[in-house]
All heavy atoms as atom14 arrays in JSON, in Angstrom:
{
  "sequence": "QVTEVLLFNLSNPELMTLQASYPEGYAKHLESALEANDKKEV",
  "atom14_mask": [
    [1, 1, 1, 1, 1, 1, 1, 1, 1, 0, 0, 0, 0, 0],
    [1, 1, 1, 1, 1, 1, 1, 0, 0, 0, 0, 0, 0, 0],
    [1, 1, 1, 1, 1, 1, 1, 0, 0, 0, 0, 0, 0, 0],
    [1, 1, 1, 1, 1, 1, 1, 1, 1, 0, 0, 0, 0, 0],
    [1, 1, 1, 1, 1, 1, 1, 0, 0, 0, 0, 0, 0, 0],
    [1, 1, 1, 1, 1, 1, 1, 1, 0, 0, 0, 0, 0, 0],
    [1, 1, 1, 1, 1, 1, 1, 1, 0, 0, 0, 0, 0, 0],
    [1, 1, 1, 1, 1, 1, 1, 1, 1, 1, 1, 0, 0, 0],
    [1, 1, 1, 1, 1, 1, 1, 1, 0, 0, 0, 0, 0, 0],
    [1, 1, 1, 1, 1, 1, 1, 1, 0, 0, 0, 0, 0, 0],
    [1, 1, 1, 1, 1, 1, 0, 0, 0, 0, 0, 0, 0, 0],
    [1, 1, 1, 1, 1, 1, 1, 1, 0, 0, 0, 0, 0, 0],
    [1, 1, 1, 1, 1, 1, 1, 0, 0, 0, 0, 0, 0, 0],
    [1, 1, 1, 1, 1, 1, 1, 1, 1, 0, 0, 0, 0, 0],
    [1, 1, 1, 1, 1, 1, 1, 1, 0, 0, 0, 0, 0, 0],
    [1, 1, 1, 1, 1, 1, 1, 1, 0, 0, 0, 0, 0, 0],
    [1, 1, 1, 1, 1, 1, 1, 0, 0, 0, 0, 0, 0, 0],
    [1, 1, 1, 1, 1, 1, 1, 1, 0, 0, 0, 0, 0, 0],
    [1, 1, 1, 1, 1, 1, 1, 1, 1, 0, 0, 0, 0, 0],
    [1, 1, 1, 1, 1, 0, 0, 0, 0, 0, 0, 0, 0, 0],
    [1, 1, 1, 1, 1, 1, 0, 0, 0, 0, 0, 0, 0, 0],
    [1, 1, 1, 1, 1, 1, 1, 1, 1, 1, 1, 1, 0, 0],
    [1, 1, 1, 1, 1, 1, 1, 0, 0, 0, 0, 0, 0, 0],
    [1, 1, 1, 1, 1, 1, 1, 1, 1, 0, 0, 0, 0, 0],
    [1, 1, 1, 1, 0, 0, 0, 0, 0, 0, 0, 0, 0, 0],
    [1, 1, 1, 1, 1, 1, 1, 1, 1, 1, 1, 1, 0, 0],
    [1, 1, 1, 1, 1, 0, 0, 0, 0, 0, 0, 0, 0, 0],
    [1, 1, 1, 1, 1, 1, 1, 1, 1, 0, 0, 0, 0, 0],
    [1, 1, 1, 1, 1, 1, 1, 1, 1, 1, 0, 0, 0, 0],
    [1, 1, 1, 1, 1, 1, 1, 1, 0, 0, 0, 0, 0, 0],
    [1, 1, 1, 1, 1, 1, 1, 1, 1, 0, 0, 0, 0, 0],
    [1, 1, 1, 1, 1, 1, 0, 0, 0, 0, 0, 0, 0, 0],
    [1, 1, 1, 1, 1, 0, 0, 0, 0, 0, 0, 0, 0, 0],
    [1, 1, 1, 1, 1, 1, 1, 1, 0, 0, 0, 0, 0, 0],
    [1, 1, 1, 1, 1, 1, 1, 1, 1, 0, 0, 0, 0, 0],
    [1, 1, 1, 1, 1, 0, 0, 0, 0, 0, 0, 0, 0, 0],
    [1, 1, 1, 1, 1, 1, 1, 1, 0, 0, 0, 0, 0, 0],
    [1, 1, 1, 1, 1, 1, 1, 1, 0, 0, 0, 0, 0, 0],
    [1, 1, 1, 1, 1, 1, 1, 1, 1, 0, 0, 0, 0, 0],
    [1, 1, 1, 1, 1, 1, 1, 1, 1, 0, 0, 0, 0, 0],
    [1, 1, 1, 1, 1, 1, 1, 1, 1, 0, 0, 0, 0, 0],
    [1, 1, 1, 1, 1, 1, 1, 0, 0, 0, 0, 0, 0, 0]
  ],
  "atom14_positions": [
    [[110.41, 101.56, 86.15], [109.39, 100.55, 85.9], [108.1, 101.01, 86.57], [108.09, 101.35, 87.75], [109.84, 99.19, 86.46], [109.03, 98.03, 85.97], [109.11, 97.82, 84.46], [110.09, 98.14, 83.82], [108.06, 97.3, 83.88], [0.0, 0.0, 0.0], [0.0, 0.0, 0.0], [0.0, 0.0, 0.0], [0.0, 0.0, 0.0], [0.0, 0.0, 0.0]],
    [[107.01, 101.05, 85.82], [105.73, 101.55, 86.3], [104.64, 100.52, 86.01], [104.64, 99.9, 84.96], [105.36, 102.88, 85.59], [104.0, 103.39, 86.04], [106.43, 103.93, 85.8], [0.0, 0.0, 0.0], [0.0, 0.0, 0.0], [0.0, 0.0, 0.0], [0.0, 0.0, 0.0], [0.0, 0.0, 0.0], [0.0, 0.0, 0.0], [0.0, 0.0, 0.0]],
    [[103.72, 100.36, 86.95], [102.51, 99.58, 86.72], [101.35, 100.53, 86.93], [101.27, 101.21, 87.95], [102.43, 98.38, 87.67], [103.54, 97.52, 87.42], [101.14, 97.6, 87.46], [0.0, 0.0, 0.0], [0.0, 0.0, 0.0], [0.0, 0.0, 0.0], [0.0, 0.0, 0.0], [0.0, 0.0, 0.0], [0.0, 0.0, 0.0], [0.0, 0.0, 0.0]],
    [[100.46, 100.58, 85.94], [99.37, 101.55, 85.96], [98.06, 100.85, 85.59], [98.04, 99.95, 84.78], [99.69, 102.64, 84.95], [98.74, 103.78, 84.92], [99.2, 104.89, 83.96], [100.35, 104.87, 83.48], [98.37, 105.76, 83.69], [0.0, 0.0, 0.0], [0.0, 0.0, 0.0], [0.0, 0.0, 0.0], [0.0, 0.0, 0.0], [0.0, 0.0, 0.0]],
    [[96.99, 101.3, 86.21], [95.66, 100.8, 85.87], [95.02, 101.82, 84.94], [94.84, 102.98, 85.3], [94.79, 100.59, 87.14], [93.38, 100.16, 86.74], [95.44, 99.57, 88.06], [0.0, 0.0, 0.0], [0.0, 0.0, 0.0], [0.0, 0.0, 0.0], [0.0, 0.0, 0.0], [0.0, 0.0, 0.0], [0.0, 0.0, 0.0], [0.0, 0.0, 0.0]],
    [[94.7, 101.38, 83.74], [94.08, 102.23, 82.73], [92.59, 101.91, 82.67], [92.19, 100.77, 82.87], [94.71, 101.98, 81.37], [96.23, 102.15, 81.29], [96.74, 101.7, 79.92], [96.63, 103.58, 81.57], [0.0, 0.0, 0.0], [0.0, 0.0, 0.0], [0.0, 0.0, 0.0], [0.0, 0.0, 0.0], [0.0, 0.0, 0.0], [0.0, 0.0, 0.0]],
    [[91.79, 102.92, 82.38], [90.34, 102.74, 82.31], [89.85, 102.94, 80.88], [90.25, 103.89, 80.2], [89.64, 103.75, 83.23], [90.03, 103.7, 84.7], [89.29, 104.79, 85.48], [89.75, 102.34, 85.3], [0.0, 0.0, 0.0], [0.0, 0.0, 0.0], [0.0, 0.0, 0.0], [0.0, 0.0, 0.0], [0.0, 0.0, 0.0], [0.0, 0.0, 0.0]],
    [[88.97, 102.04, 80.46], [88.41, 102.09, 79.11], [86.9, 101.9, 79.19], [86.41, 101.08, 79.98], [89.02, 100.99, 78.23], [90.5, 101.14, 78.08], [91.36, 100.49, 78.94], [91.02, 101.94, 77.09], [92.73, 100.64, 78.82], [92.39, 102.09, 76.95], [93.25, 101.44, 77.82], [0.0, 0.0, 0.0], [0.0, 0.0, 0.0], [0.0, 0.0, 0.0]],
    [[86.19, 102.63, 78.37], [84.74, 102.5, 78.34], [84.19, 103.07, 77.04], [84.68, 104.06, 76.53], [84.11, 103.25, 79.51], [82.62, 103.0, 79.61], [82.19, 101.87, 79.76], [81.83, 104.05, 79.5], [0.0, 0.0, 0.0], [0.0, 0.0, 0.0], [0.0, 0.0, 0.0], [0.0, 0.0, 0.0], [0.0, 0.0, 0.0], [0.0, 0.0, 0.0]],
    [[83.19, 102.41, 76.54], [82.38, 102.96, 75.47], [80.94, 102.9, 75.97], [80.51, 101.87, 76.49], [82.52, 102.16, 74.18], [83.87, 102.25, 73.47], [83.94, 101.27, 72.31], [84.13, 103.67, 72.98], [0.0, 0.0, 0.0], [0.0, 0.0, 0.0], [0.0, 0.0, 0.0], [0.0, 0.0, 0.0], [0.0, 0.0, 0.0], [0.0, 0.0, 0.0]],
    [[80.24, 104.01, 75.86], [78.84, 104.05, 76.28], [78.02, 103.14, 75.38], [78.45, 102.77, 74.27], [78.32, 105.48, 76.22], [78.26, 105.91, 74.87], [0.0, 0.0, 0.0], [0.0, 0.0, 0.0], [0.0, 0.0, 0.0], [0.0, 0.0, 0.0], [0.0, 0.0, 0.0], [0.0, 0.0, 0.0], [0.0, 0.0, 0.0], [0.0, 0.0, 0.0]],
    [[76.83, 102.79, 75.81], [75.97, 101.96, 74.97], [75.71, 102.61, 73.6], [75.79, 101.91, 72.59], [74.66, 101.63, 75.68], [74.85, 100.53, 76.69], [75.76, 99.71, 76.58], [74.0, 100.49, 77.69], [0.0, 0.0, 0.0], [0.0, 0.0, 0.0], [0.0, 0.0, 0.0], [0.0, 0.0, 0.0], [0.0, 0.0, 0.0], [0.0, 0.0, 0.0]],
    [[75.43, 103.92, 73.53], [75.27, 104.51, 72.2], [76.54, 104.4, 71.35], [76.46, 104.13, 70.15], [74.93, 105.98, 72.49], [74.28, 105.94, 73.84], [75.03, 104.87, 74.6], [0.0, 0.0, 0.0], [0.0, 0.0, 0.0], [0.0, 0.0, 0.0], [0.0, 0.0, 0.0], [0.0, 0.0, 0.0], [0.0, 0.0, 0.0], [0.0, 0.0, 0.0]],
    [[77.7, 104.6, 71.96], [78.96, 104.47, 71.21], [79.14, 103.03, 70.73], [79.53, 102.79, 69.59], [80.15, 104.86, 72.08], [80.25, 106.34, 72.37], [81.31, 106.66, 73.42], [81.43, 105.92, 74.42], [82.01, 107.68, 73.23], [0.0, 0.0, 0.0], [0.0, 0.0, 0.0], [0.0, 0.0, 0.0], [0.0, 0.0, 0.0], [0.0, 0.0, 0.0]],
    [[78.88, 102.08, 71.61], [79.03, 100.67, 71.26], [78.08, 100.25, 70.15], [78.47, 99.58, 69.2], [78.8, 99.79, 72.49], [79.92, 99.76, 73.52], [79.43, 99.13, 74.81], [81.11, 99.0, 72.98], [0.0, 0.0, 0.0], [0.0, 0.0, 0.0], [0.0, 0.0, 0.0], [0.0, 0.0, 0.0], [0.0, 0.0, 0.0], [0.0, 0.0, 0.0]],
    [[76.82, 100.63, 70.28], [75.83, 100.23, 69.28], [76.14, 100.85, 67.92], [75.99, 100.2, 66.88], [74.43, 100.57, 69.75], [73.98, 99.68, 70.9], [72.26, 99.9, 71.37], [72.34, 101.47, 72.22], [0.0, 0.0, 0.0], [0.0, 0.0, 0.0], [0.0, 0.0, 0.0], [0.0, 0.0, 0.0], [0.0, 0.0, 0.0], [0.0, 0.0, 0.0]],
    [[76.58, 102.1, 67.92], [76.95, 102.76, 66.66], [78.12, 102.06, 66.01], [78.11, 101.77, 64.81], [77.28, 104.24, 66.91], [76.13, 104.89, 67.46], [77.72, 104.94, 65.64], [0.0, 0.0, 0.0], [0.0, 0.0, 0.0], [0.0, 0.0, 0.0], [0.0, 0.0, 0.0], [0.0, 0.0, 0.0], [0.0, 0.0, 0.0], [0.0, 0.0, 0.0]],
    [[79.13, 101.75, 66.8], [80.31, 101.05, 66.3], [79.95, 99.66, 65.79], [80.34, 99.25, 64.69], [81.36, 100.96, 67.4], [82.73, 100.42, 67.03], [83.38, 101.28, 65.95], [83.61, 100.38, 68.27], [0.0, 0.0, 0.0], [0.0, 0.0, 0.0], [0.0, 0.0, 0.0], [0.0, 0.0, 0.0], [0.0, 0.0, 0.0], [0.0, 0.0, 0.0]],
    [[79.18, 98.93, 66.56], [78.79, 97.57, 66.19], [77.96, 97.56, 64.91], [78.16, 96.72, 64.04], [78.0, 96.95, 67.36], [77.74, 95.49, 67.23], [78.95, 94.61, 67.48], [80.08, 95.0, 67.3], [78.69, 93.39, 67.85], [0.0, 0.0, 0.0], [0.0, 0.0, 0.0], [0.0, 0.0, 0.0], [0.0, 0.0, 0.0], [0.0, 0.0, 0.0]],
    [[77.06, 98.52, 64.78], [76.18, 98.56, 63.61], [76.89, 99.06, 62.36], [76.38, 98.89, 61.25], [74.98, 99.45, 63.91], [0.0, 0.0, 0.0], [0.0, 0.0, 0.0], [0.0, 0.0, 0.0], [0.0, 0.0, 0.0], [0.0, 0.0, 0.0], [0.0, 0.0, 0.0], [0.0, 0.0, 0.0], [0.0, 0.0, 0.0], [0.0, 0.0, 0.0]],
    [[78.07, 99.64, 62.51], [78.77, 100.18, 61.34], [79.52, 99.12, 60.54], [80.08, 99.43, 59.49], [79.72, 101.3, 61.78], [80.74, 100.8, 62.61], [0.0, 0.0, 0.0], [0.0, 0.0, 0.0], [0.0, 0.0, 0.0], [0.0, 0.0, 0.0], [0.0, 0.0, 0.0], [0.0, 0.0, 0.0], [0.0, 0.0, 0.0], [0.0, 0.0, 0.0]],
    [[79.53, 97.89, 61.01], [80.18, 96.79, 60.3], [79.15, 95.7, 60.03], [78.4, 95.34, 60.94], [81.34, 96.21, 61.12], [82.47, 97.19, 61.3], [82.52, 98.01, 62.42], [83.47, 97.3, 60.34], [83.56, 98.92, 62.58], [84.51, 98.21, 60.49], [84.54, 99.02, 61.61], [85.56, 99.92, 61.76], [0.0, 0.0, 0.0], [0.0, 0.0, 0.0]],
    [[79.09, 95.16, 58.81], [78.07, 94.17, 58.47], [77.99, 92.99, 59.44], [76.91, 92.54, 59.77], [78.47, 93.71, 57.07], [79.22, 94.87, 56.5], [79.94, 95.49, 57.67], [0.0, 0.0, 0.0], [0.0, 0.0, 0.0], [0.0, 0.0, 0.0], [0.0, 0.0, 0.0], [0.0, 0.0, 0.0], [0.0, 0.0, 0.0], [0.0, 0.0, 0.0]],
    [[79.14, 92.5, 59.91], [79.14, 91.35, 60.83], [79.42, 91.78, 62.27], [79.64, 90.93, 63.12], [80.19, 90.33, 60.38], [79.86, 89.71, 59.05], [80.88, 88.65, 58.66], [81.35, 87.91, 59.53], [81.18, 88.58, 57.47], [0.0, 0.0, 0.0], [0.0, 0.0, 0.0], [0.0, 0.0, 0.0], [0.0, 0.0, 0.0], [0.0, 0.0, 0.0]],
    [[79.41, 93.07, 62.54], [79.72, 93.56, 63.87], [81.2, 93.85, 64.01], [82.03, 93.35, 63.25], [0.0, 0.0, 0.0], [0.0, 0.0, 0.0], [0.0, 0.0, 0.0], [0.0, 0.0, 0.0], [0.0, 0.0, 0.0], [0.0, 0.0, 0.0], [0.0, 0.0, 0.0], [0.0, 0.0, 0.0], [0.0, 0.0, 0.0], [0.0, 0.0, 0.0]],
    [[81.53, 94.69, 64.97], [82.9, 95.16, 65.13], [83.87, 94.04, 65.48], [84.94, 93.93, 64.89], [82.95, 96.25, 66.21], [84.34, 96.78, 66.38], [84.8, 97.8, 65.57], [85.21, 96.25, 67.32], [86.08, 98.29, 65.7], [86.49, 96.72, 67.45], [86.92, 97.75, 66.64], [88.2, 98.21, 66.76], [0.0, 0.0, 0.0], [0.0, 0.0, 0.0]],
    [[83.54, 93.23, 66.48], [84.45, 92.18, 66.93], [84.78, 91.21, 65.79], [85.94, 90.83, 65.6], [83.88, 91.43, 68.13], [0.0, 0.0, 0.0], [0.0, 0.0, 0.0], [0.0, 0.0, 0.0], [0.0, 0.0, 0.0], [0.0, 0.0, 0.0], [0.0, 0.0, 0.0], [0.0, 0.0, 0.0], [0.0, 0.0, 0.0], [0.0, 0.0, 0.0]],
    [[83.77, 90.83, 65.02], [83.99, 89.92, 63.89], [84.86, 90.59, 62.83], [85.71, 89.95, 62.21], [82.65, 89.47, 63.31], [82.79, 88.45, 62.22], [83.39, 87.16, 62.72], [83.49, 86.15, 61.6], [84.35, 85.03, 61.93], [0.0, 0.0, 0.0], [0.0, 0.0, 0.0], [0.0, 0.0, 0.0], [0.0, 0.0, 0.0], [0.0, 0.0, 0.0]],
    [[84.66, 91.89, 62.64], [85.48, 92.64, 61.68], [86.96, 92.56, 62.07], [87.82, 92.29, 61.23], [85.03, 94.1, 61.61], [85.92, 94.98, 60.81], [85.93, 94.96, 59.43], [86.85, 95.89, 61.18], [86.83, 95.82, 58.99], [87.4, 96.4, 60.03], [0.0, 0.0, 0.0], [0.0, 0.0, 0.0], [0.0, 0.0, 0.0], [0.0, 0.0, 0.0]],
    [[87.24, 92.78, 63.35], [88.62, 92.72, 63.82], [89.18, 91.31, 63.71], [90.31, 91.11, 63.26], [88.73, 93.22, 65.26], [90.14, 93.22, 65.86], [91.1, 94.05, 65.03], [90.09, 93.72, 67.29], [0.0, 0.0, 0.0], [0.0, 0.0, 0.0], [0.0, 0.0, 0.0], [0.0, 0.0, 0.0], [0.0, 0.0, 0.0], [0.0, 0.0, 0.0]],
    [[88.38, 90.32, 64.08], [88.83, 88.93, 63.95], [89.16, 88.59, 62.5], [90.17, 87.94, 62.23], [87.75, 87.97, 64.47], [87.66, 87.88, 65.97], [86.58, 86.91, 66.41], [86.48, 85.81, 65.82], [85.84, 87.26, 67.34], [0.0, 0.0, 0.0], [0.0, 0.0, 0.0], [0.0, 0.0, 0.0], [0.0, 0.0, 0.0], [0.0, 0.0, 0.0]],
    [[88.32, 89.03, 61.57], [88.56, 88.77, 60.15], [89.85, 89.44, 59.67], [90.61, 88.85, 58.91], [87.38, 89.26, 59.31], [86.22, 88.54, 59.64], [0.0, 0.0, 0.0], [0.0, 0.0, 0.0], [0.0, 0.0, 0.0], [0.0, 0.0, 0.0], [0.0, 0.0, 0.0], [0.0, 0.0, 0.0], [0.0, 0.0, 0.0], [0.0, 0.0, 0.0]],
    [[90.08, 90.67, 60.12], [91.31, 91.38, 59.75], [92.53, 90.65, 60.3], [93.55, 90.53, 59.62], [91.27, 92.82, 60.24], [0.0, 0.0, 0.0], [0.0, 0.0, 0.0], [0.0, 0.0, 0.0], [0.0, 0.0, 0.0], [0.0, 0.0, 0.0], [0.0, 0.0, 0.0], [0.0, 0.0, 0.0], [0.0, 0.0, 0.0], [0.0, 0.0, 0.0]],
    [[92.41, 90.14, 61.52], [93.52, 89.38, 62.12], [93.77, 88.09, 61.35], [94.91, 87.75, 61.03], [93.22, 89.07, 63.59], [93.35, 90.22, 64.57], [92.69, 89.88, 65.9], [94.81, 90.6, 64.77], [0.0, 0.0, 0.0], [0.0, 0.0, 0.0], [0.0, 0.0, 0.0], [0.0, 0.0, 0.0], [0.0, 0.0, 0.0], [0.0, 0.0, 0.0]],
    [[92.69, 87.37, 61.02], [92.82, 86.11, 60.29], [93.4, 86.33, 58.9], [94.17, 85.51, 58.4], [91.47, 85.42, 60.19], [90.99, 84.83, 61.51], [89.55, 84.34, 61.46], [88.93, 84.35, 60.37], [89.04, 83.96, 62.53], [0.0, 0.0, 0.0], [0.0, 0.0, 0.0], [0.0, 0.0, 0.0], [0.0, 0.0, 0.0], [0.0, 0.0, 0.0]],
    [[93.03, 87.44, 58.26], [93.51, 87.74, 56.91], [94.91, 88.37, 56.94], [95.49, 88.65, 55.89], [92.54, 88.69, 56.21], [0.0, 0.0, 0.0], [0.0, 0.0, 0.0], [0.0, 0.0, 0.0], [0.0, 0.0, 0.0], [0.0, 0.0, 0.0], [0.0, 0.0, 0.0], [0.0, 0.0, 0.0], [0.0, 0.0, 0.0], [0.0, 0.0, 0.0]],
    [[95.42, 88.6, 58.14], [96.73, 89.23, 58.33], [96.77, 90.6, 57.66], [97.79, 91.0, 57.09], [97.85, 88.33, 57.82], [99.19, 88.68, 58.44], [99.24, 89.23, 59.54], [100.26, 88.39, 57.73], [0.0, 0.0, 0.0], [0.0, 0.0, 0.0], [0.0, 0.0, 0.0], [0.0, 0.0, 0.0], [0.0, 0.0, 0.0], [0.0, 0.0, 0.0]],
    [[95.63, 91.32, 57.73], [95.54, 92.68, 57.17], [96.07, 93.65, 58.22], [95.31, 94.23, 59.0], [94.08, 92.98, 56.81], [93.91, 94.33, 56.13], [94.85, 95.15, 56.14], [92.81, 94.56, 55.58], [0.0, 0.0, 0.0], [0.0, 0.0, 0.0], [0.0, 0.0, 0.0], [0.0, 0.0, 0.0], [0.0, 0.0, 0.0], [0.0, 0.0, 0.0]],
    [[97.38, 93.8, 58.25], [98.04, 94.58, 59.3], [97.57, 96.03, 59.34], [97.39, 96.6, 60.41], [99.55, 94.5, 59.13], [100.07, 93.11, 59.41], [101.55, 93.0, 59.17], [101.97, 91.57, 59.46], [102.94, 91.06, 58.57], [0.0, 0.0, 0.0], [0.0, 0.0, 0.0], [0.0, 0.0, 0.0], [0.0, 0.0, 0.0], [0.0, 0.0, 0.0]],
    [[97.4, 96.63, 58.19], [96.96, 98.03, 58.13], [95.6, 98.2, 58.82], [95.41, 99.11, 59.62], [96.9, 98.5, 56.68], [96.52, 99.94, 56.53], [96.53, 100.36, 55.07], [96.1, 101.8, 54.92], [96.08, 102.23, 53.52], [0.0, 0.0, 0.0], [0.0, 0.0, 0.0], [0.0, 0.0, 0.0], [0.0, 0.0, 0.0], [0.0, 0.0, 0.0]],
    [[94.67, 97.31, 58.52], [93.33, 97.4, 59.12], [93.36, 97.09, 60.61], [92.67, 97.73, 61.4], [92.36, 96.46, 58.4], [90.92, 96.6, 58.87], [90.33, 97.99, 58.62], [90.79, 98.73, 57.73], [89.38, 98.35, 59.34], [0.0, 0.0, 0.0], [0.0, 0.0, 0.0], [0.0, 0.0, 0.0], [0.0, 0.0, 0.0], [0.0, 0.0, 0.0]],
    [[94.16, 96.11, 61.01], [94.27, 95.76, 62.43], [94.81, 96.94, 63.22], [94.26, 97.32, 64.26], [95.16, 94.51, 62.64], [95.49, 94.3, 64.11], [94.48, 93.28, 62.07], [0.0, 0.0, 0.0], [0.0, 0.0, 0.0], [0.0, 0.0, 0.0], [0.0, 0.0, 0.0], [0.0, 0.0, 0.0], [0.0, 0.0, 0.0], [0.0, 0.0, 0.0]]
  ]
}
């Protein structure tokens, strides 16, 4: 049994590029895929 602290980061340029690549933004894109139960996209 292991407990580990993982680190995650996206730089501002990475975040802005990702956010701008979806018409409603990345977070909304994921929420929509979850709501639509689009498992492949999620």
